Amino acid sequence: MLMDKDDNYWIPALMIDHKHQGKGYGKAAMETLIQFMSNSSCTRIMIGHRPDNLIAGRMYEALGFLKASEEVIDGEIVRLLQIC
């Protein structure tokens, strides 16, 4: 995890080996990270994914991540999860 100047916590990457994709490991890992980060001082989690990675985009949306912008930044769609 990385924190930026706006107190956003970034997950630089979450990758599951292609042999193990589609088994729910990515979602389980994200749920665990979100829970862990919720128990800290973190209030916003940021993550990016390539525009052509529709599966990752749908998973992040299902977990509550919203697009931070319609603009693609450094080749990625940036998503934000607000933790209350």
N, C-alpha and C. Protein backbone atom coordinates (compact mmCIF):
# COMPACT_ATOMS: atom_id res chain seq x y z
N MET A 1 0.84 -1.17 0.00
CA MET A 1 0.00 0.00 0.00
C MET A 1 0.89 1.24 0.00
N LEU A 2 0.44 2.23 -0.70
CA LEU A 2 1.13 3.51 -0.75
C LEU A 2 0.13 4.60 -0.42
N MET A 3 0.58 5.67 0.23
CA MET A 3 -0.31 6.80 0.52
C MET A 3 0.19 8.00 -0.26
N ASP A 4 -0.75 8.75 -0.89
CA ASP A 4 -0.36 9.94 -1.62
C ASP A 4 -0.61 11.19 -0.79
N LYS A 5 -0.34 12.35 -1.37
CA LYS A 5 -0.45 13.62 -0.65
C LYS A 5 -1.88 13.95 -0.23
N ASP A 6 -2.88 13.31 -0.85
CA ASP A 6 -4.29 13.55 -0.52
C ASP A 6 -4.84 12.52 0.46
N ASP A 7 -3.95 11.78 1.10
CA ASP A 7 -4.32 10.73 2.05
C ASP A 7 -5.09 9.58 1.41
N ASN A 8 -4.91 9.39 0.12
CA ASN A 8 -5.47 8.23 -0.56
C ASN A 8 -4.49 7.08 -0.41
N TYR A 9 -4.98 5.92 -0.07
CA TYR A 9 -4.14 4.73 -0.01
C TYR A 9 -4.28 3.99 -1.33
N TRP A 10 -3.16 3.69 -1.94
CA TRP A 10 -3.13 3.04 -3.25
C TRP A 10 -2.72 1.58 -3.11
N ILE A 11 -3.41 0.73 -3.85
CA ILE A 11 -2.98 -0.65 -4.03
C ILE A 11 -2.28 -0.65 -5.39
N PRO A 12 -0.94 -0.76 -5.41
CA PRO A 12 -0.22 -0.63 -6.68
C PRO A 12 -0.61 -1.69 -7.71
N ALA A 13 -0.86 -2.89 -7.28
CA ALA A 13 -1.25 -3.96 -8.21
C ALA A 13 -1.78 -5.14 -7.41
N LEU A 14 -2.72 -5.82 -8.01
CA LEU A 14 -3.19 -7.09 -7.47
C LEU A 14 -3.23 -8.04 -8.66
N MET A 15 -2.38 -9.04 -8.63
CA MET A 15 -2.30 -9.95 -9.77
C MET A 15 -2.43 -11.39 -9.30
N ILE A 16 -3.22 -12.13 -10.03
CA ILE A 16 -3.40 -13.56 -9.79
C ILE A 16 -2.87 -14.29 -11.02
N ASP A 17 -2.02 -15.27 -10.82
CA ASP A 17 -1.47 -16.04 -11.93
C ASP A 17 -2.60 -16.53 -12.83
N HIS A 18 -2.37 -16.48 -14.13
CA HIS A 18 -3.42 -16.84 -15.08
C HIS A 18 -3.96 -18.25 -14.87
N LYS A 19 -3.16 -19.14 -14.32
CA LYS A 19 -3.62 -20.52 -14.07
C LYS A 19 -4.67 -20.58 -12.95
N HIS A 20 -4.74 -19.53 -12.15
CA HIS A 20 -5.63 -19.54 -10.99
C HIS A 20 -6.72 -18.47 -11.08
N GLN A 21 -6.80 -17.79 -12.21
CA GLN A 21 -7.83 -16.77 -12.38
C GLN A 21 -9.20 -17.43 -12.56
N GLY A 22 -10.23 -16.70 -12.17
CA GLY A 22 -11.59 -17.21 -12.30
C GLY A 22 -12.02 -18.12 -11.16
N LYS A 23 -11.21 -18.21 -10.11
CA LYS A 23 -11.51 -19.07 -8.98
C LYS A 23 -11.92 -18.29 -7.74
N GLY A 24 -12.00 -16.95 -7.87
CA GLY A 24 -12.43 -16.13 -6.74
C GLY A 24 -11.30 -15.65 -5.84
N TYR A 25 -10.05 -15.98 -6.18
CA TYR A 25 -8.92 -15.57 -5.35
C TYR A 25 -8.72 -14.05 -5.34
N GLY A 26 -8.89 -13.42 -6.50
CA GLY A 26 -8.73 -11.97 -6.59
C GLY A 26 -9.74 -11.23 -5.73
N LYS A 27 -10.98 -11.65 -5.82
CA LYS A 27 -12.04 -11.01 -5.01
C LYS A 27 -11.78 -11.25 -3.52
N ALA A 28 -11.42 -12.47 -3.16
CA ALA A 28 -11.14 -12.77 -1.75
C ALA A 28 -9.97 -11.93 -1.24
N ALA A 29 -8.94 -11.78 -2.06
CA ALA A 29 -7.78 -10.97 -1.67
C ALA A 29 -8.19 -9.51 -1.49
N MET A 30 -9.00 -8.99 -2.41
CA MET A 30 -9.45 -7.60 -2.30
C MET A 30 -10.32 -7.40 -1.06
N GLU A 31 -11.21 -8.34 -0.79
CA GLU A 31 -12.06 -8.23 0.40
C GLU A 31 -11.20 -8.21 1.67
N THR A 32 -10.17 -9.04 1.69
CA THR A 32 -9.26 -9.07 2.85
C THR A 32 -8.50 -7.75 2.98
N LEU A 33 -8.00 -7.24 1.86
CA LEU A 33 -7.31 -5.94 1.88
C LEU A 33 -8.22 -4.82 2.35
N ILE A 34 -9.44 -4.79 1.83
CA ILE A 34 -10.40 -3.75 2.22
C ILE A 34 -10.67 -3.83 3.72
N GLN A 35 -10.89 -5.03 4.23
CA GLN A 35 -11.14 -5.21 5.66
C GLN A 35 -9.95 -4.74 6.48
N PHE A 36 -8.76 -5.15 6.07
CA PHE A 36 -7.53 -4.75 6.77
C PHE A 36 -7.38 -3.23 6.76
N MET A 37 -7.60 -2.63 5.60
CA MET A 37 -7.43 -1.18 5.48
C MET A 37 -8.53 -0.43 6.22
N SER A 38 -9.71 -1.01 6.33
CA SER A 38 -10.82 -0.38 7.07
C SER A 38 -10.53 -0.28 8.55
N ASN A 39 -9.68 -1.17 9.04
CA ASN A 39 -9.33 -1.18 10.46
C ASN A 39 -8.17 -0.23 10.77
N SER A 40 -7.70 0.49 9.76
CA SER A 40 -6.62 1.46 9.97
C SER A 40 -7.21 2.87 9.83
N SER A 41 -6.36 3.84 9.64
CA SER A 41 -6.82 5.22 9.48
C SER A 41 -7.22 5.52 8.04
N CYS A 42 -7.20 4.53 7.19
CA CYS A 42 -7.51 4.69 5.78
C CYS A 42 -8.99 5.05 5.57
N THR A 43 -9.25 6.06 4.74
CA THR A 43 -10.63 6.41 4.40
C THR A 43 -10.91 6.29 2.91
N ARG A 44 -9.85 6.23 2.07
CA ARG A 44 -10.03 6.09 0.62
C ARG A 44 -8.99 5.12 0.08
N ILE A 45 -9.45 4.15 -0.69
CA ILE A 45 -8.57 3.20 -1.34
C ILE A 45 -8.65 3.44 -2.85
N MET A 46 -7.49 3.53 -3.48
CA MET A 46 -7.41 3.75 -4.91
C MET A 46 -6.73 2.54 -5.56
N ILE A 47 -7.20 2.21 -6.77
CA ILE A 47 -6.58 1.14 -7.56
C ILE A 47 -6.82 1.45 -9.02
N GLY A 48 -5.93 0.99 -9.87
CA GLY A 48 -6.09 1.18 -11.30
C GLY A 48 -6.09 -0.14 -12.03
N HIS A 49 -6.68 -0.13 -13.22
CA HIS A 49 -6.64 -1.31 -14.08
C HIS A 49 -6.68 -0.87 -15.53
N ARG A 50 -6.19 -1.70 -16.40
CA ARG A 50 -6.19 -1.39 -17.83
C ARG A 50 -7.62 -1.35 -18.34
N PRO A 51 -7.90 -0.45 -19.28
CA PRO A 51 -9.26 -0.33 -19.81
C PRO A 51 -9.80 -1.62 -20.43
N ASP A 52 -8.92 -2.43 -21.00
CA ASP A 52 -9.37 -3.67 -21.64
C ASP A 52 -9.57 -4.82 -20.65
N ASN A 53 -9.26 -4.60 -19.38
CA ASN A 53 -9.45 -5.64 -18.37
C ASN A 53 -10.85 -5.47 -17.76
N LEU A 54 -11.83 -5.90 -18.51
CA LEU A 54 -13.23 -5.75 -18.11
C LEU A 54 -13.58 -6.58 -16.87
N ILE A 55 -12.94 -7.72 -16.73
CA ILE A 55 -13.22 -8.57 -15.57
C ILE A 55 -12.79 -7.88 -14.29
N ALA A 56 -11.59 -7.28 -14.29
CA ALA A 56 -11.13 -6.55 -13.11
C ALA A 56 -12.06 -5.37 -12.83
N GLY A 57 -12.45 -4.65 -13.88
CA GLY A 57 -13.35 -3.51 -13.71
C GLY A 57 -14.67 -3.92 -13.06
N ARG A 58 -15.25 -5.03 -13.51
CA ARG A 58 -16.52 -5.51 -12.92
C ARG A 58 -16.32 -5.95 -11.48
N MET A 59 -15.18 -6.60 -11.19
CA MET A 59 -14.92 -7.03 -9.82
C MET A 59 -14.79 -5.82 -8.90
N TYR A 60 -14.03 -4.82 -9.31
CA TYR A 60 -13.85 -3.63 -8.47
C TYR A 60 -15.19 -2.92 -8.27
N GLU A 61 -16.00 -2.82 -9.32
CA GLU A 61 -17.33 -2.21 -9.18
C GLU A 61 -18.18 -3.00 -8.19
N ALA A 62 -18.14 -4.33 -8.27
CA ALA A 62 -18.92 -5.17 -7.36
C ALA A 62 -18.48 -4.97 -5.91
N LEU A 63 -17.22 -4.60 -5.70
CA LEU A 63 -16.71 -4.36 -4.36
C LEU A 63 -16.94 -2.92 -3.90
N GLY A 64 -17.54 -2.09 -4.76
CA GLY A 64 -17.88 -0.72 -4.38
C GLY A 64 -16.95 0.35 -4.92
N PHE A 65 -15.95 -0.03 -5.69
CA PHE A 65 -15.04 0.95 -6.27
C PHE A 65 -15.74 1.68 -7.42
N LEU A 66 -15.68 3.00 -7.39
CA LEU A 66 -16.25 3.83 -8.44
C LEU A 66 -15.12 4.41 -9.28
N LYS A 67 -15.41 4.74 -10.53
CA LYS A 67 -14.40 5.41 -11.34
C LYS A 67 -14.11 6.76 -10.73
N ALA A 68 -12.83 7.06 -10.53
CA ALA A 68 -12.43 8.36 -9.98
C ALA A 68 -12.54 9.43 -11.06
N SER A 69 -12.50 9.01 -12.32
CA SER A 69 -12.57 9.93 -13.45
C SER A 69 -12.92 9.11 -14.69
N GLU A 70 -13.50 9.74 -15.67
CA GLU A 70 -13.75 9.06 -16.94
C GLU A 70 -12.48 9.04 -17.79
N GLU A 71 -11.50 9.82 -17.38
CA GLU A 71 -10.23 9.93 -18.09
C GLU A 71 -9.34 8.74 -17.76
N VAL A 72 -8.67 8.21 -18.77
CA VAL A 72 -7.67 7.16 -18.55
C VAL A 72 -6.36 7.85 -18.17
N ILE A 73 -5.79 7.46 -17.05
CA ILE A 73 -4.59 8.11 -16.52
C ILE A 73 -3.43 7.11 -16.56
N ASP A 74 -2.37 7.48 -17.25
CA ASP A 74 -1.20 6.61 -17.39
C ASP A 74 -1.59 5.21 -17.86
N GLY A 75 -2.55 5.15 -18.76
CA GLY A 75 -2.97 3.88 -19.34
C GLY A 75 -3.91 3.06 -18.48
N GLU A 76 -4.41 3.65 -17.39
CA GLU A 76 -5.29 2.89 -16.50
C GLU A 76 -6.55 3.67 -16.14
N ILE A 77 -7.61 2.92 -15.88
CA ILE A 77 -8.81 3.47 -15.27
C ILE A 77 -8.56 3.48 -13.78
N VAL A 78 -8.74 4.62 -13.16
CA VAL A 78 -8.49 4.75 -11.71
C VAL A 78 -9.82 4.64 -10.99
N ARG A 79 -9.84 3.81 -9.96
CA ARG A 79 -11.06 3.59 -9.17
C ARG A 79 -10.81 3.96 -7.71
N LEU A 80 -11.90 4.34 -7.05
CA LEU A 80 -11.83 4.82 -5.67
C LEU A 80 -12.91 4.13 -4.84
N LEU A 81 -12.53 3.69 -3.66
CA LEU A 81 -13.47 3.15 -2.69
C LEU A 81 -13.41 4.04 -1.45
N GLN A 82 -14.53 4.68 -1.13
CA GLN A 82 -14.62 5.54 0.05
C GLN A 82 -15.01 4.66 1.24
N ILE A 83 -14.20 4.70 2.28
CA ILE A 83 -14.50 3.94 3.49
C ILE A 83 -14.98 4.91 4.55
N CYS A 84 -16.15 4.67 5.10
CA CYS A 84 -16.71 5.57 6.10
C CYS A 84 -16.27 5.20 7.49
